[in-house]
Amino acid sequence: MSPVRRLSLAMLLGTASIVAHAEDAWVAEARQLATSVPPKLLAVLTREIDQGGASQAIGACQVQAPEMARQASEASGWKVRRVSLRERNPKARPDAWEQAALEDFDRRVAAGEVPMTLEKAERVDVGGVPTLRYARALPVGPICVQCHGDPAQMDAGVKSKLSVLYPQDRATGYSVGQIRGVITLSKPAP
């Protein structure tokens, strides 16, 4: 190989390495943000359940979850939200990209993958704007089934609170380990 060709190849590989590193950086940033919000919400819900039961936690979740997403969005520059194929809050309906991620995660869990490890990161075009998209699975844990599990097993107070706050609720019938939804992040690509 000629010296010019070797230099050209080295420059091309170096550029690819820089691009891959930049990709890795935004994905790592998104992953860190996506994994920081759910534990905060879980802490709030655990406290509310300890103080007043699962029905009290529903009201706290209705207020706190969107507030936490708003605060994370403002602090990070990412648009942060939680969505589901079976939403409780009508604002939590997925767009086409999120729906595809959720469906893929469901297939992967059914094939034996560990729900906590599932994520998708992609640079996409949204209305002509290059956009960074990230989704991380939100699996159902033992605490979640109190309000998202089998309705026949739910406390009467939980069912009552859900019917008042979420009359169109579709977010029940889950069992531990299923994908309840995703935390999804997006922002214009640099």
N, C-alpha and C. Protein backbone atom coordinates (compact mmCIF):
# COMPACT_ATOMS: atom_id res chain seq x y z
N MET A 1 0.85 -1.17 0.00
CA MET A 1 0.00 0.00 0.00
C MET A 1 0.90 1.24 0.00
N SER A 2 0.54 2.20 -0.81
CA SER A 2 1.36 3.40 -0.93
C SER A 2 1.25 4.24 0.35
N PRO A 3 2.26 5.07 0.63
CA PRO A 3 2.22 5.93 1.81
C PRO A 3 1.02 6.87 1.82
N VAL A 4 0.63 7.37 0.65
CA VAL A 4 -0.52 8.27 0.56
C VAL A 4 -1.80 7.51 0.93
N ARG A 5 -1.92 6.29 0.40
CA ARG A 5 -3.10 5.48 0.69
C ARG A 5 -3.16 5.12 2.17
N ARG A 6 -2.00 4.78 2.78
CA ARG A 6 -1.96 4.47 4.22
C ARG A 6 -2.37 5.69 5.04
N LEU A 7 -1.88 6.86 4.66
CA LEU A 7 -2.24 8.09 5.38
C LEU A 7 -3.72 8.37 5.23
N SER A 8 -4.27 8.20 4.04
CA SER A 8 -5.71 8.41 3.82
C SER A 8 -6.53 7.46 4.65
N LEU A 9 -6.12 6.20 4.68
CA LEU A 9 -6.83 5.20 5.49
C LEU A 9 -6.73 5.54 6.97
N ALA A 10 -5.56 5.94 7.41
CA ALA A 10 -5.38 6.31 8.82
C ALA A 10 -6.25 7.52 9.18
N MET A 11 -6.31 8.48 8.27
CA MET A 11 -7.14 9.66 8.53
C MET A 11 -8.61 9.26 8.59
N LEU A 12 -9.05 8.40 7.68
CA LEU A 12 -10.43 7.94 7.66
C LEU A 12 -10.75 7.19 8.95
N LEU A 13 -9.88 6.28 9.35
CA LEU A 13 -10.11 5.52 10.59
C LEU A 13 -10.09 6.44 11.80
N GLY A 14 -9.22 7.42 11.80
CA GLY A 14 -9.18 8.37 12.91
C GLY A 14 -10.48 9.16 12.99
N THR A 15 -11.02 9.58 11.86
CA THR A 15 -12.29 10.29 11.83
C THR A 15 -13.41 9.40 12.34
N ALA A 16 -13.40 8.15 11.90
CA ALA A 16 -14.42 7.21 12.37
C ALA A 16 -14.33 7.03 13.88
N SER A 17 -13.11 6.99 14.39
CA SER A 17 -12.92 6.85 15.83
C SER A 17 -13.46 8.06 16.58
N ILE A 18 -13.22 9.24 16.06
CA ILE A 18 -13.72 10.46 16.69
C ILE A 18 -15.25 10.47 16.67
N VAL A 19 -15.84 10.08 15.54
CA VAL A 19 -17.30 10.03 15.43
C VAL A 19 -17.86 9.01 16.41
N ALA A 20 -17.24 7.83 16.48
CA ALA A 20 -17.70 6.79 17.41
C ALA A 20 -17.60 7.28 18.85
N HIS A 21 -16.52 8.00 19.17
CA HIS A 21 -16.36 8.53 20.53
C HIS A 21 -17.45 9.55 20.84
N ALA A 22 -17.75 10.41 19.87
CA ALA A 22 -18.82 11.40 20.08
C ALA A 22 -20.15 10.69 20.29
N GLU A 23 -20.40 9.63 19.51
CA GLU A 23 -21.62 8.84 19.68
C GLU A 23 -21.65 8.25 21.08
N ASP A 24 -20.55 7.66 21.50
CA ASP A 24 -20.47 7.06 22.82
C ASP A 24 -20.75 8.09 23.91
N ALA A 25 -20.28 9.31 23.74
CA ALA A 25 -20.45 10.35 24.76
C ALA A 25 -21.92 10.71 24.93
N TRP A 26 -22.66 10.92 23.85
CA TRP A 26 -24.07 11.29 24.02
C TRP A 26 -24.89 10.12 24.55
N VAL A 27 -24.54 8.91 24.15
CA VAL A 27 -25.27 7.75 24.65
C VAL A 27 -25.00 7.59 26.15
N ALA A 28 -23.76 7.76 26.57
CA ALA A 28 -23.42 7.67 27.99
C ALA A 28 -24.16 8.75 28.80
N GLU A 29 -24.23 9.94 28.24
CA GLU A 29 -24.96 11.03 28.91
C GLU A 29 -26.44 10.69 29.05
N ALA A 30 -27.03 10.19 27.97
CA ALA A 30 -28.45 9.82 28.00
C ALA A 30 -28.69 8.68 28.98
N ARG A 31 -27.82 7.68 28.95
CA ARG A 31 -27.95 6.53 29.85
C ARG A 31 -27.90 7.00 31.32
N GLN A 32 -26.96 7.88 31.61
CA GLN A 32 -26.82 8.37 33.00
C GLN A 32 -28.09 9.09 33.44
N LEU A 33 -28.61 9.93 32.58
CA LEU A 33 -29.84 10.66 32.92
C LEU A 33 -31.02 9.71 33.07
N ALA A 34 -31.15 8.77 32.14
CA ALA A 34 -32.28 7.84 32.16
C ALA A 34 -32.25 6.92 33.38
N THR A 35 -31.07 6.64 33.89
CA THR A 35 -30.98 5.77 35.07
C THR A 35 -31.03 6.57 36.37
N SER A 36 -30.99 7.89 36.29
CA SER A 36 -31.02 8.70 37.52
C SER A 36 -32.44 9.05 37.96
N VAL A 37 -33.38 9.13 37.05
CA VAL A 37 -34.74 9.56 37.39
C VAL A 37 -35.57 8.47 38.08
N PRO A 38 -35.64 7.24 37.55
CA PRO A 38 -36.49 6.22 38.18
C PRO A 38 -36.22 5.95 39.67
N PRO A 39 -34.95 5.89 40.12
CA PRO A 39 -34.75 5.67 41.55
C PRO A 39 -35.32 6.79 42.43
N LYS A 40 -35.31 8.01 41.91
CA LYS A 40 -35.89 9.13 42.67
C LYS A 40 -37.40 8.96 42.81
N LEU A 41 -38.04 8.56 41.73
CA LEU A 41 -39.49 8.32 41.78
C LEU A 41 -39.79 7.13 42.69
N LEU A 42 -39.00 6.09 42.60
CA LEU A 42 -39.20 4.92 43.45
C LEU A 42 -39.08 5.29 44.93
N ALA A 43 -38.15 6.17 45.27
CA ALA A 43 -38.00 6.61 46.65
C ALA A 43 -39.25 7.35 47.12
N VAL A 44 -39.80 8.22 46.27
CA VAL A 44 -41.02 8.94 46.61
C VAL A 44 -42.18 7.96 46.80
N LEU A 45 -42.33 7.02 45.89
CA LEU A 45 -43.43 6.07 45.97
C LEU A 45 -43.31 5.17 47.20
N THR A 46 -42.10 4.75 47.51
CA THR A 46 -41.88 3.92 48.69
C THR A 46 -42.27 4.68 49.95
N ARG A 47 -41.87 5.94 50.02
CA ARG A 47 -42.22 6.77 51.18
C ARG A 47 -43.74 6.93 51.29
N GLU A 48 -44.39 7.20 50.17
CA GLU A 48 -45.84 7.38 50.17
C GLU A 48 -46.56 6.10 50.57
N ILE A 49 -46.10 4.96 50.08
CA ILE A 49 -46.71 3.68 50.44
C ILE A 49 -46.52 3.43 51.93
N ASP A 50 -45.34 3.72 52.45
CA ASP A 50 -45.08 3.53 53.88
C ASP A 50 -45.97 4.43 54.74
N GLN A 51 -46.23 5.64 54.25
CA GLN A 51 -47.02 6.60 55.03
C GLN A 51 -48.52 6.38 54.91
N GLY A 52 -49.00 6.03 53.72
CA GLY A 52 -50.45 5.97 53.55
C GLY A 52 -50.95 4.89 52.62
N GLY A 53 -50.09 3.97 52.24
CA GLY A 53 -50.52 2.89 51.37
C GLY A 53 -50.38 3.22 49.90
N ALA A 54 -50.63 2.22 49.08
CA ALA A 54 -50.46 2.36 47.63
C ALA A 54 -51.41 3.40 47.03
N SER A 55 -52.61 3.53 47.60
CA SER A 55 -53.53 4.53 47.03
C SER A 55 -52.98 5.94 47.20
N GLN A 56 -52.27 6.19 48.29
CA GLN A 56 -51.64 7.50 48.49
C GLN A 56 -50.51 7.71 47.47
N ALA A 57 -49.80 6.64 47.15
CA ALA A 57 -48.69 6.73 46.20
C ALA A 57 -49.18 7.10 44.80
N ILE A 58 -50.38 6.68 44.45
CA ILE A 58 -50.92 7.00 43.11
C ILE A 58 -51.01 8.51 42.92
N GLY A 59 -51.54 9.20 43.91
CA GLY A 59 -51.64 10.66 43.83
C GLY A 59 -50.28 11.32 43.75
N ALA A 60 -49.33 10.80 44.52
CA ALA A 60 -47.97 11.36 44.49
C ALA A 60 -47.33 11.11 43.13
N CYS A 61 -47.53 9.92 42.59
CA CYS A 61 -46.95 9.60 41.28
C CYS A 61 -47.54 10.50 40.20
N GLN A 62 -48.83 10.77 40.28
CA GLN A 62 -49.49 11.61 39.28
C GLN A 62 -48.85 13.00 39.22
N VAL A 63 -48.43 13.51 40.37
CA VAL A 63 -47.84 14.85 40.44
C VAL A 63 -46.32 14.80 40.29
N GLN A 64 -45.69 13.89 41.02
CA GLN A 64 -44.23 13.87 41.09
C GLN A 64 -43.55 13.37 39.82
N ALA A 65 -44.08 12.33 39.19
CA ALA A 65 -43.41 11.77 38.00
C ALA A 65 -43.26 12.81 36.88
N PRO A 66 -44.32 13.53 36.50
CA PRO A 66 -44.14 14.55 35.47
C PRO A 66 -43.23 15.69 35.92
N GLU A 67 -43.28 16.03 37.20
CA GLU A 67 -42.42 17.09 37.73
C GLU A 67 -40.96 16.69 37.67
N MET A 68 -40.68 15.45 38.02
CA MET A 68 -39.29 14.96 37.94
C MET A 68 -38.79 14.96 36.51
N ALA A 69 -39.63 14.57 35.57
CA ALA A 69 -39.25 14.58 34.16
C ALA A 69 -39.01 16.02 33.70
N ARG A 70 -39.87 16.94 34.12
CA ARG A 70 -39.70 18.35 33.75
C ARG A 70 -38.38 18.89 34.30
N GLN A 71 -38.09 18.62 35.57
CA GLN A 71 -36.85 19.09 36.18
C GLN A 71 -35.62 18.49 35.49
N ALA A 72 -35.68 17.20 35.17
CA ALA A 72 -34.56 16.56 34.49
C ALA A 72 -34.38 17.16 33.09
N SER A 73 -35.47 17.48 32.43
CA SER A 73 -35.40 18.11 31.11
C SER A 73 -34.74 19.47 31.19
N GLU A 74 -35.19 20.29 32.14
CA GLU A 74 -34.63 21.64 32.29
C GLU A 74 -33.16 21.60 32.66
N ALA A 75 -32.78 20.69 33.53
CA ALA A 75 -31.39 20.62 34.00
C ALA A 75 -30.44 20.05 32.94
N SER A 76 -30.95 19.22 32.04
CA SER A 76 -30.07 18.49 31.13
C SER A 76 -30.08 18.97 29.68
N GLY A 77 -31.16 19.61 29.27
CA GLY A 77 -31.29 19.96 27.86
C GLY A 77 -31.94 18.86 27.02
N TRP A 78 -32.20 17.72 27.63
CA TRP A 78 -32.92 16.62 26.96
C TRP A 78 -34.41 16.78 27.24
N LYS A 79 -35.24 16.34 26.33
CA LYS A 79 -36.67 16.22 26.61
C LYS A 79 -36.84 14.83 27.22
N VAL A 80 -37.29 14.78 28.47
CA VAL A 80 -37.41 13.52 29.21
C VAL A 80 -38.88 13.22 29.44
N ARG A 81 -39.29 11.98 29.15
CA ARG A 81 -40.65 11.57 29.43
C ARG A 81 -40.72 10.06 29.61
N ARG A 82 -41.81 9.60 30.17
CA ARG A 82 -42.08 8.17 30.31
C ARG A 82 -43.28 7.85 29.44
N VAL A 83 -43.18 6.76 28.69
CA VAL A 83 -44.28 6.35 27.82
C VAL A 83 -44.48 4.84 27.96
N SER A 84 -45.65 4.39 27.50
CA SER A 84 -45.99 2.98 27.61
C SER A 84 -46.93 2.58 26.48
N LEU A 85 -46.90 1.30 26.14
CA LEU A 85 -47.87 0.78 25.17
C LEU A 85 -49.25 0.72 25.79
N ARG A 86 -49.30 0.60 27.13
CA ARG A 86 -50.57 0.60 27.87
C ARG A 86 -50.46 1.71 28.92
N GLU A 87 -50.74 2.90 28.48
CA GLU A 87 -50.54 4.09 29.32
C GLU A 87 -51.62 4.24 30.39
N ARG A 88 -51.21 4.86 31.47
CA ARG A 88 -52.14 5.27 32.52
C ARG A 88 -52.55 6.71 32.24
N ASN A 89 -51.60 7.54 31.97
CA ASN A 89 -51.82 8.95 31.66
C ASN A 89 -51.88 9.10 30.14
N PRO A 90 -52.94 9.69 29.60
CA PRO A 90 -53.04 9.84 28.14
C PRO A 90 -51.85 10.58 27.52
N LYS A 91 -51.14 11.40 28.31
CA LYS A 91 -49.96 12.10 27.79
C LYS A 91 -48.77 11.16 27.61
N ALA A 92 -48.88 9.93 28.09
CA ALA A 92 -47.78 8.97 28.05
C ALA A 92 -47.87 8.02 26.87
N ARG A 93 -48.55 8.44 25.82
CA ARG A 93 -48.63 7.61 24.61
C ARG A 93 -47.32 7.75 23.83
N PRO A 94 -46.79 6.65 23.34
CA PRO A 94 -45.52 6.73 22.61
C PRO A 94 -45.70 7.25 21.19
N ASP A 95 -44.66 7.91 20.69
CA ASP A 95 -44.64 8.23 19.27
C ASP A 95 -44.16 6.98 18.53
N ALA A 96 -44.03 7.04 17.22
CA ALA A 96 -43.69 5.85 16.43
C ALA A 96 -42.33 5.27 16.83
N TRP A 97 -41.33 6.11 17.07
CA TRP A 97 -40.00 5.63 17.44
C TRP A 97 -40.06 4.93 18.80
N GLU A 98 -40.75 5.55 19.76
CA GLU A 98 -40.87 4.96 21.10
C GLU A 98 -41.66 3.66 21.06
N GLN A 99 -42.72 3.62 20.25
CA GLN A 99 -43.52 2.41 20.13
C GLN A 99 -42.67 1.26 19.59
N ALA A 100 -41.86 1.55 18.58
CA ALA A 100 -41.00 0.51 18.02
C ALA A 100 -40.00 0.01 19.07
N ALA A 101 -39.47 0.92 19.89
CA ALA A 101 -38.54 0.51 20.96
C ALA A 101 -39.26 -0.36 21.97
N LEU A 102 -40.45 0.04 22.39
CA LEU A 102 -41.23 -0.74 23.36
C LEU A 102 -41.55 -2.14 22.82
N GLU A 103 -41.97 -2.21 21.58
CA GLU A 103 -42.30 -3.51 20.99
C GLU A 103 -41.06 -4.39 20.89
N ASP A 104 -39.92 -3.78 20.53
CA ASP A 104 -38.67 -4.52 20.46
C ASP A 104 -38.27 -5.03 21.85
N PHE A 105 -38.41 -4.19 22.86
CA PHE A 105 -38.06 -4.60 24.23
C PHE A 105 -38.95 -5.77 24.68
N ASP A 106 -40.24 -5.71 24.37
CA ASP A 106 -41.14 -6.81 24.74
C ASP A 106 -40.70 -8.12 24.09
N ARG A 107 -40.34 -8.06 22.81
CA ARG A 107 -39.87 -9.26 22.11
C ARG A 107 -38.58 -9.80 22.75
N ARG A 108 -37.69 -8.90 23.10
CA ARG A 108 -36.40 -9.30 23.67
C ARG A 108 -36.57 -9.91 25.06
N VAL A 109 -37.48 -9.37 25.86
CA VAL A 109 -37.76 -9.96 27.17
C VAL A 109 -38.36 -11.35 26.99
N ALA A 110 -39.28 -11.49 26.05
CA ALA A 110 -39.90 -12.79 25.77
C ALA A 110 -38.85 -13.81 25.33
N ALA A 111 -37.78 -13.33 24.70
CA ALA A 111 -36.70 -14.21 24.25
C ALA A 111 -35.67 -14.47 25.34
N GLY A 112 -35.88 -13.87 26.52
CA GLY A 112 -35.01 -14.17 27.65
C GLY A 112 -34.02 -13.10 28.05
N GLU A 113 -34.02 -11.94 27.39
CA GLU A 113 -33.10 -10.89 27.80
C GLU A 113 -33.54 -10.27 29.12
N VAL A 114 -32.60 -9.71 29.84
CA VAL A 114 -32.86 -9.10 31.13
C VAL A 114 -33.44 -7.70 30.92
N PRO A 115 -34.65 -7.44 31.44
CA PRO A 115 -35.32 -6.15 31.18
C PRO A 115 -34.50 -4.92 31.58
N MET A 116 -33.76 -5.00 32.69
CA MET A 116 -33.02 -3.83 33.17
C MET A 116 -31.90 -3.40 32.23
N THR A 117 -31.51 -4.24 31.29
CA THR A 117 -30.40 -3.92 30.40
C THR A 117 -30.84 -3.36 29.06
N LEU A 118 -32.13 -3.31 28.81
CA LEU A 118 -32.62 -2.96 27.48
C LEU A 118 -32.62 -1.45 27.26
N GLU A 119 -31.97 -1.06 26.17
CA GLU A 119 -31.92 0.35 25.78
C GLU A 119 -31.80 0.43 24.27
N LYS A 120 -32.14 1.61 23.77
CA LYS A 120 -31.99 1.89 22.35
C LYS A 120 -31.51 3.32 22.22
N ALA A 121 -30.48 3.54 21.40
CA ALA A 121 -29.94 4.87 21.16
C ALA A 121 -29.77 5.02 19.65
N GLU A 122 -30.25 6.14 19.15
CA GLU A 122 -30.22 6.30 17.70
C GLU A 122 -30.26 7.78 17.33
N ARG A 123 -29.56 8.10 16.27
CA ARG A 123 -29.63 9.43 15.67
C ARG A 123 -30.65 9.33 14.54
N VAL A 124 -31.72 10.12 14.62
CA VAL A 124 -32.80 10.03 13.63
C VAL A 124 -33.15 11.41 13.11
N ASP A 125 -33.91 11.44 12.04
CA ASP A 125 -34.40 12.68 11.47
C ASP A 125 -35.84 12.88 11.96
N VAL A 126 -36.11 14.00 12.61
CA VAL A 126 -37.46 14.31 13.07
C VAL A 126 -37.88 15.62 12.42
N GLY A 127 -38.72 15.51 11.41
CA GLY A 127 -39.18 16.71 10.70
C GLY A 127 -38.05 17.51 10.09
N GLY A 128 -37.03 16.82 9.59
CA GLY A 128 -35.90 17.49 8.97
C GLY A 128 -34.82 17.92 9.94
N VAL A 129 -34.99 17.61 11.22
CA VAL A 129 -34.01 17.99 12.24
C VAL A 129 -33.29 16.74 12.74
N PRO A 130 -31.95 16.67 12.58
CA PRO A 130 -31.23 15.54 13.15
C PRO A 130 -31.41 15.53 14.67
N THR A 131 -31.85 14.39 15.20
CA THR A 131 -32.24 14.31 16.61
C THR A 131 -31.62 13.07 17.25
N LEU A 132 -31.17 13.23 18.49
CA LEU A 132 -30.66 12.12 19.27
C LEU A 132 -31.83 11.54 20.06
N ARG A 133 -32.03 10.23 19.97
CA ARG A 133 -33.13 9.55 20.67
C ARG A 133 -32.55 8.44 21.54
N TYR A 134 -33.09 8.30 22.72
CA TYR A 134 -32.65 7.26 23.64
C TYR A 134 -33.87 6.74 24.40
N ALA A 135 -33.93 5.44 24.58
CA ALA A 135 -35.00 4.83 25.37
C ALA A 135 -34.39 3.75 26.25
N ARG A 136 -34.85 3.68 27.49
CA ARG A 136 -34.41 2.65 28.43
C ARG A 136 -35.66 2.01 29.04
N ALA A 137 -35.66 0.69 29.08
CA ALA A 137 -36.80 -0.05 29.60
C ALA A 137 -37.05 0.24 31.07
N LEU A 138 -38.33 0.30 31.41
CA LEU A 138 -38.76 0.43 32.80
C LEU A 138 -39.52 -0.85 33.15
N PRO A 139 -38.81 -1.82 33.71
CA PRO A 139 -39.48 -3.08 34.04
C PRO A 139 -40.31 -2.97 35.31
N VAL A 140 -41.29 -3.84 35.41
CA VAL A 140 -42.16 -3.90 36.58
C VAL A 140 -41.40 -4.60 37.72
N GLY A 141 -41.35 -3.92 38.86
CA GLY A 141 -40.75 -4.50 40.05
C GLY A 141 -41.84 -4.88 41.04
N PRO A 142 -41.47 -5.52 42.12
CA PRO A 142 -42.47 -5.95 43.11
C PRO A 142 -43.35 -4.81 43.64
N ILE A 143 -42.79 -3.63 43.85
CA ILE A 143 -43.59 -2.51 44.36
C ILE A 143 -44.61 -2.05 43.32
N CYS A 144 -44.30 -2.21 42.05
CA CYS A 144 -45.14 -1.71 40.96
C CYS A 144 -46.49 -2.43 40.85
N VAL A 145 -46.48 -3.73 41.19
CA VAL A 145 -47.71 -4.51 40.98
C VAL A 145 -48.84 -4.08 41.91
N GLN A 146 -48.53 -3.32 42.95
CA GLN A 146 -49.58 -2.82 43.83
C GLN A 146 -50.58 -1.95 43.07
N CYS A 147 -50.07 -1.23 42.07
CA CYS A 147 -50.92 -0.32 41.29
C CYS A 147 -50.98 -0.68 39.80
N HIS A 148 -50.08 -1.56 39.35
CA HIS A 148 -50.04 -1.93 37.94
C HIS A 148 -50.26 -3.41 37.71
N GLY A 149 -50.50 -4.17 38.76
CA GLY A 149 -50.66 -5.62 38.64
C GLY A 149 -52.08 -6.03 38.28
N ASP A 150 -52.40 -7.24 38.64
CA ASP A 150 -53.71 -7.83 38.37
C ASP A 150 -54.78 -7.07 39.17
N PRO A 151 -55.76 -6.46 38.50
CA PRO A 151 -56.79 -5.71 39.22
C PRO A 151 -57.53 -6.55 40.26
N ALA A 152 -57.67 -7.85 40.03
CA ALA A 152 -58.36 -8.71 41.00
C ALA A 152 -57.58 -8.82 42.30
N GLN A 153 -56.29 -8.54 42.25
CA GLN A 153 -55.43 -8.63 43.44
C GLN A 153 -55.20 -7.26 44.10
N MET A 154 -55.71 -6.20 43.51
CA MET A 154 -55.46 -4.85 44.02
C MET A 154 -56.36 -4.52 45.19
N ASP A 155 -55.80 -3.69 46.06
CA ASP A 155 -56.53 -3.14 47.18
C ASP A 155 -57.70 -2.29 46.65
N ALA A 156 -58.83 -2.33 47.36
CA ALA A 156 -60.01 -1.57 46.93
C ALA A 156 -59.72 -0.07 46.85
N GLY A 157 -58.90 0.44 47.78
CA GLY A 157 -58.54 1.86 47.75
C GLY A 157 -57.74 2.22 46.51
N VAL A 158 -56.88 1.31 46.07
CA VAL A 158 -56.09 1.54 44.85
C VAL A 158 -57.02 1.60 43.64
N LYS A 159 -57.91 0.63 43.54
CA LYS A 159 -58.85 0.61 42.40
C LYS A 159 -59.71 1.87 42.38
N SER A 160 -60.15 2.30 43.55
CA SER A 160 -60.97 3.50 43.63
C SER A 160 -60.19 4.74 43.18
N LYS A 161 -58.98 4.88 43.69
CA LYS A 161 -58.14 6.04 43.34
C LYS A 161 -57.83 6.05 41.84
N LEU A 162 -57.52 4.88 41.28
CA LEU A 162 -57.25 4.80 39.85
C LEU A 162 -58.46 5.21 39.02
N SER A 163 -59.64 4.78 39.44
CA SER A 163 -60.85 5.11 38.67
C SER A 163 -61.14 6.61 38.70
N VAL A 164 -60.77 7.27 39.80
CA VAL A 164 -60.98 8.71 39.91
C VAL A 164 -59.93 9.48 39.11
N LEU A 165 -58.65 9.15 39.33
CA LEU A 165 -57.57 9.91 38.69
C LEU A 165 -57.33 9.52 37.24
N TYR A 166 -57.58 8.27 36.90
CA TYR A 166 -57.29 7.77 35.56
C TYR A 166 -58.46 6.92 35.06
N PRO A 167 -59.57 7.53 34.70
CA PRO A 167 -60.73 6.74 34.28
C PRO A 167 -60.49 5.90 33.02
N GLN A 168 -59.53 6.27 32.21
CA GLN A 168 -59.21 5.51 30.99
C GLN A 168 -57.96 4.65 31.16
N ASP A 169 -57.60 4.33 32.39
CA ASP A 169 -56.38 3.59 32.72
C ASP A 169 -56.27 2.28 31.94
N ARG A 170 -55.10 2.08 31.32
CA ARG A 170 -54.83 0.83 30.61
C ARG A 170 -53.57 0.16 31.18
N ALA A 171 -53.07 0.66 32.31
CA ALA A 171 -51.76 0.26 32.82
C ALA A 171 -51.83 -0.75 33.95
N THR A 172 -52.74 -1.71 33.84
CA THR A 172 -52.82 -2.76 34.85
C THR A 172 -52.66 -4.12 34.15
N GLY A 173 -52.54 -5.16 34.97
CA GLY A 173 -52.39 -6.50 34.43
C GLY A 173 -50.95 -6.92 34.22
N TYR A 174 -50.02 -6.13 34.72
CA TYR A 174 -48.61 -6.45 34.58
C TYR A 174 -48.16 -7.40 35.68
N SER A 175 -47.08 -8.11 35.40
CA SER A 175 -46.44 -8.94 36.42
C SER A 175 -44.96 -8.55 36.49
N VAL A 176 -44.33 -8.91 37.59
CA VAL A 176 -42.93 -8.56 37.82
C VAL A 176 -42.08 -9.07 36.66
N GLY A 177 -41.22 -8.18 36.15
CA GLY A 177 -40.31 -8.52 35.07
C GLY A 177 -40.77 -8.09 33.69
N GLN A 178 -42.05 -7.79 33.54
CA GLN A 178 -42.53 -7.29 32.24
C GLN A 178 -42.07 -5.85 32.06
N ILE A 179 -42.11 -5.38 30.82
CA ILE A 179 -41.78 -3.99 30.52
C ILE A 179 -43.03 -3.15 30.70
N ARG A 180 -43.00 -2.25 31.67
CA ARG A 180 -44.12 -1.35 31.94
C ARG A 180 -44.12 -0.19 30.96
N GLY A 181 -42.93 0.24 30.57
CA GLY A 181 -42.78 1.36 29.66
C GLY A 181 -41.31 1.66 29.45
N VAL A 182 -41.03 2.87 28.98
CA VAL A 182 -39.65 3.31 28.83
C VAL A 182 -39.54 4.74 29.32
N ILE A 183 -38.32 5.07 29.75
CA ILE A 183 -37.99 6.47 29.94
C ILE A 183 -37.30 6.85 28.63
N THR A 184 -37.76 7.91 28.03
CA THR A 184 -37.28 8.28 26.69
C THR A 184 -36.74 9.70 26.71
N LEU A 185 -35.66 9.88 26.00
CA LEU A 185 -34.98 11.17 25.94
C LEU A 185 -34.78 11.56 24.48
N SER A 186 -34.85 12.84 24.22
CA SER A 186 -34.56 13.32 22.86
C SER A 186 -34.05 14.75 22.93
N LYS A 187 -33.21 15.08 21.95
CA LYS A 187 -32.77 16.46 21.79
C LYS A 187 -32.16 16.61 20.40
N PRO A 188 -32.15 17.83 19.87
CA PRO A 188 -31.52 18.03 18.56
C PRO A 188 -30.06 17.61 18.61
N ALA A 189 -29.62 16.96 17.54
CA ALA A 189 -28.22 16.54 17.45
C ALA A 189 -27.33 17.77 17.26
N PRO A 190 -26.14 17.72 17.83
CA PRO A 190 -25.21 18.86 17.64
C PRO A 190 -24.70 18.94 16.22
